[in-house]
């Protein structure tokens, strides 16, 4: 290979990013992406987690708007990562509230406590694997006609 091995593109086995290790900018971008992905998807659990399903390969944890800050923060980290991977701009506002709904006032927590990811009474479900952290995320918004 005459020292040319570093010039080709590689795909990271854990984060999946395709990058050229011989290009310093690519290495830096990969390192940032890899750390953000690993940090956002890590899951250590907490005392009063709401497990709604357990399986041989993991469990489903439900996070509601009135949950403690650490649970909301984890949901916020995962959703920010998902938004980034889907191409949404950083810091984009959450889904707007329906104009006829006054759910912010009916919410169990005040707007100051709500980090902004829970419009109305949305539910965040995380699929968590013991060795791999968060592997899946679902955000459910209640609707009515």
Protein backbone atom coordinates (compact mmCIF):
# COMPACT_ATOMS: atom_id res chain seq x y z
CA UNK A 1 0.00 0.00 0.00
CA UNK A 2 3.07 2.28 0.12
CA UNK A 3 1.61 4.39 2.94
CA UNK A 4 -1.59 5.12 1.02
CA UNK A 5 -3.95 3.22 3.36
CA UNK A 6 -4.95 6.40 5.23
CA UNK A 7 -6.19 8.11 2.04
CA UNK A 8 -9.23 5.90 1.42
CA UNK A 9 -12.59 6.30 3.10
CA UNK A 10 -13.42 4.14 6.12
CA UNK A 11 -16.70 3.51 7.88
CA UNK A 12 -16.64 3.56 11.68
CA UNK A 13 -17.87 0.25 13.06
CA UNK A 14 -19.73 1.78 16.00
CA UNK A 15 -21.13 5.13 14.79
CA UNK A 16 -21.40 4.29 11.07
CA UNK A 17 -19.84 7.52 9.81
CA UNK A 18 -17.90 7.36 6.55
CA UNK A 19 -14.70 9.43 6.78
CA UNK A 20 -11.15 9.68 5.41
CA UNK A 21 -8.67 9.18 8.27
CA UNK A 22 -5.87 10.80 6.25
CA UNK A 23 -7.71 14.14 6.19
CA UNK A 24 -7.43 15.99 9.53
CA UNK A 25 -10.82 17.74 9.12
CA UNK A 26 -12.51 14.39 8.52
CA UNK A 27 -10.87 12.89 11.60
CA UNK A 28 -12.05 15.82 13.74
CA UNK A 29 -15.61 15.64 12.34
CA UNK A 30 -15.68 11.90 12.95
CA UNK A 31 -14.45 12.31 16.52
CA UNK A 32 -17.14 14.93 17.25
CA UNK A 33 -19.89 12.85 15.65
CA UNK A 34 -18.74 9.68 17.40
CA UNK A 35 -18.61 11.31 20.85
CA UNK A 36 -21.99 13.02 20.40
CA UNK A 37 -23.58 9.79 19.24
CA UNK A 38 -22.10 7.68 22.04
CA UNK A 39 -22.92 10.27 24.72
CA UNK A 40 -26.49 10.82 23.52
CA UNK A 41 -27.24 7.13 23.29
CA UNK A 42 -25.73 6.04 26.59
CA UNK A 43 -28.25 5.05 29.25
CA UNK A 44 -27.49 4.28 32.86
CA UNK A 45 -31.08 4.20 34.08
CA UNK A 46 -32.60 5.87 37.11
CA UNK A 47 -34.47 4.88 40.25
CA UNK A 48 -38.07 5.55 39.25
CA UNK A 49 -37.95 4.76 35.55
CA UNK A 50 -41.28 3.82 34.01
CA UNK A 51 -40.69 0.49 32.25
CA UNK A 52 -43.66 -0.35 30.01
CA UNK A 53 -42.20 -3.46 28.40
CA UNK A 54 -39.33 -5.88 28.98
CA UNK A 55 -37.83 -8.18 26.37
CA UNK A 56 -34.88 -10.54 26.14
CA UNK A 57 -32.81 -7.86 24.36
CA UNK A 58 -33.90 -4.75 26.27
CA UNK A 59 -36.75 -2.74 27.72
CA UNK A 60 -39.02 0.16 26.79
CA UNK A 61 -38.94 3.17 29.10
CA UNK A 62 -41.69 5.81 29.00
CA UNK A 63 -40.86 9.46 29.74
CA UNK A 64 -43.73 11.88 30.41
CA UNK A 65 -43.74 15.70 30.65
CA UNK A 66 -44.05 15.63 34.46
CA UNK A 67 -41.05 13.34 34.99
CA UNK A 68 -37.91 14.50 36.84
CA UNK A 69 -35.42 16.74 35.06
CA UNK A 70 -32.84 13.97 34.54
CA UNK A 71 -35.38 11.90 32.59
CA UNK A 72 -36.45 14.91 30.52
CA UNK A 73 -32.79 15.75 29.88
CA UNK A 74 -32.10 12.24 28.56
CA UNK A 75 -35.14 12.44 26.28
CA UNK A 76 -33.94 15.85 25.10
CA UNK A 77 -30.45 14.47 24.32
CA UNK A 78 -31.85 11.56 22.33
CA UNK A 79 -34.33 13.75 20.44
CA UNK A 80 -31.63 16.30 19.61
CA UNK A 81 -29.50 13.48 18.20
CA UNK A 82 -32.43 12.09 16.20
CA UNK A 83 -33.25 15.56 14.84
CA UNK A 84 -29.63 16.05 13.83
CA UNK A 85 -29.50 12.68 12.06
CA UNK A 86 -32.74 13.50 10.23
CA UNK A 87 -31.32 16.81 9.06
CA UNK A 88 -33.33 19.24 11.18
CA UNK A 89 -31.45 22.42 12.10
CA UNK A 90 -29.98 22.58 15.61
CA UNK A 91 -32.27 24.33 18.06
CA UNK A 92 -35.36 23.99 15.86
CA UNK A 93 -38.55 24.60 17.85
CA UNK A 94 -40.69 21.59 18.77
CA UNK A 95 -43.95 20.87 16.99
CA UNK A 96 -46.33 23.80 17.41
CA UNK A 97 -49.33 23.49 19.70
CA UNK A 98 -52.73 23.34 18.01
CA UNK A 99 -54.32 26.80 18.21
CA UNK A 100 -57.48 25.47 19.91
CA UNK A 101 -55.50 23.65 22.57
CA UNK A 102 -54.49 25.23 25.82
CA UNK A 103 -52.46 22.21 26.88
CA UNK A 104 -49.51 24.24 28.18
CA UNK A 105 -51.79 25.45 31.01
CA UNK A 106 -53.21 21.97 31.57
CA UNK A 107 -49.77 20.37 31.68
CA UNK A 108 -48.56 18.89 34.95
CA UNK A 109 -45.45 21.08 34.90
CA UNK A 110 -44.95 24.76 34.31
CA UNK A 111 -43.42 26.12 31.06
CA UNK A 112 -40.23 27.06 32.96
CA UNK A 113 -39.74 23.43 33.98
CA UNK A 114 -40.55 22.07 30.52
CA UNK A 115 -37.36 21.92 28.45
CA UNK A 116 -39.36 22.38 25.23
CA UNK A 117 -39.56 18.85 23.87
CA UNK A 118 -43.01 17.99 25.16
CA UNK A 119 -45.71 19.86 23.31
CA UNK A 120 -48.98 19.12 25.09
CA UNK A 121 -49.01 15.71 26.70
CA UNK A 122 -46.53 13.93 24.43
CA UNK A 123 -44.94 10.66 25.49
CA UNK A 124 -41.36 9.65 24.69
CA UNK A 125 -40.63 5.92 24.54
CA UNK A 126 -37.00 4.78 24.55
CA UNK A 127 -35.94 1.24 23.70
CA UNK A 128 -32.91 0.53 25.86
CA UNK A 129 -30.53 -2.39 25.46
CA UNK A 130 -28.37 -3.32 28.47
CA UNK A 131 -25.07 -3.31 26.58
CA UNK A 132 -25.78 -0.77 23.86
CA UNK A 133 -27.78 2.06 25.44
CA UNK A 134 -30.70 3.68 23.60
CA UNK A 135 -31.44 1.83 20.35
CA UNK A 136 -34.84 3.30 19.52
CA UNK A 137 -37.04 6.31 20.17
CA UNK A 138 -40.71 7.04 19.60
CA UNK A 139 -42.48 10.34 20.34
CA UNK A 140 -46.26 10.04 20.58
CA UNK A 141 -48.45 13.15 20.41
CA UNK A 142 -52.09 12.87 21.39
CA UNK A 143 -54.52 14.22 18.80
CA UNK A 144 -58.24 14.86 18.83
CA UNK A 145 -60.76 15.95 16.23
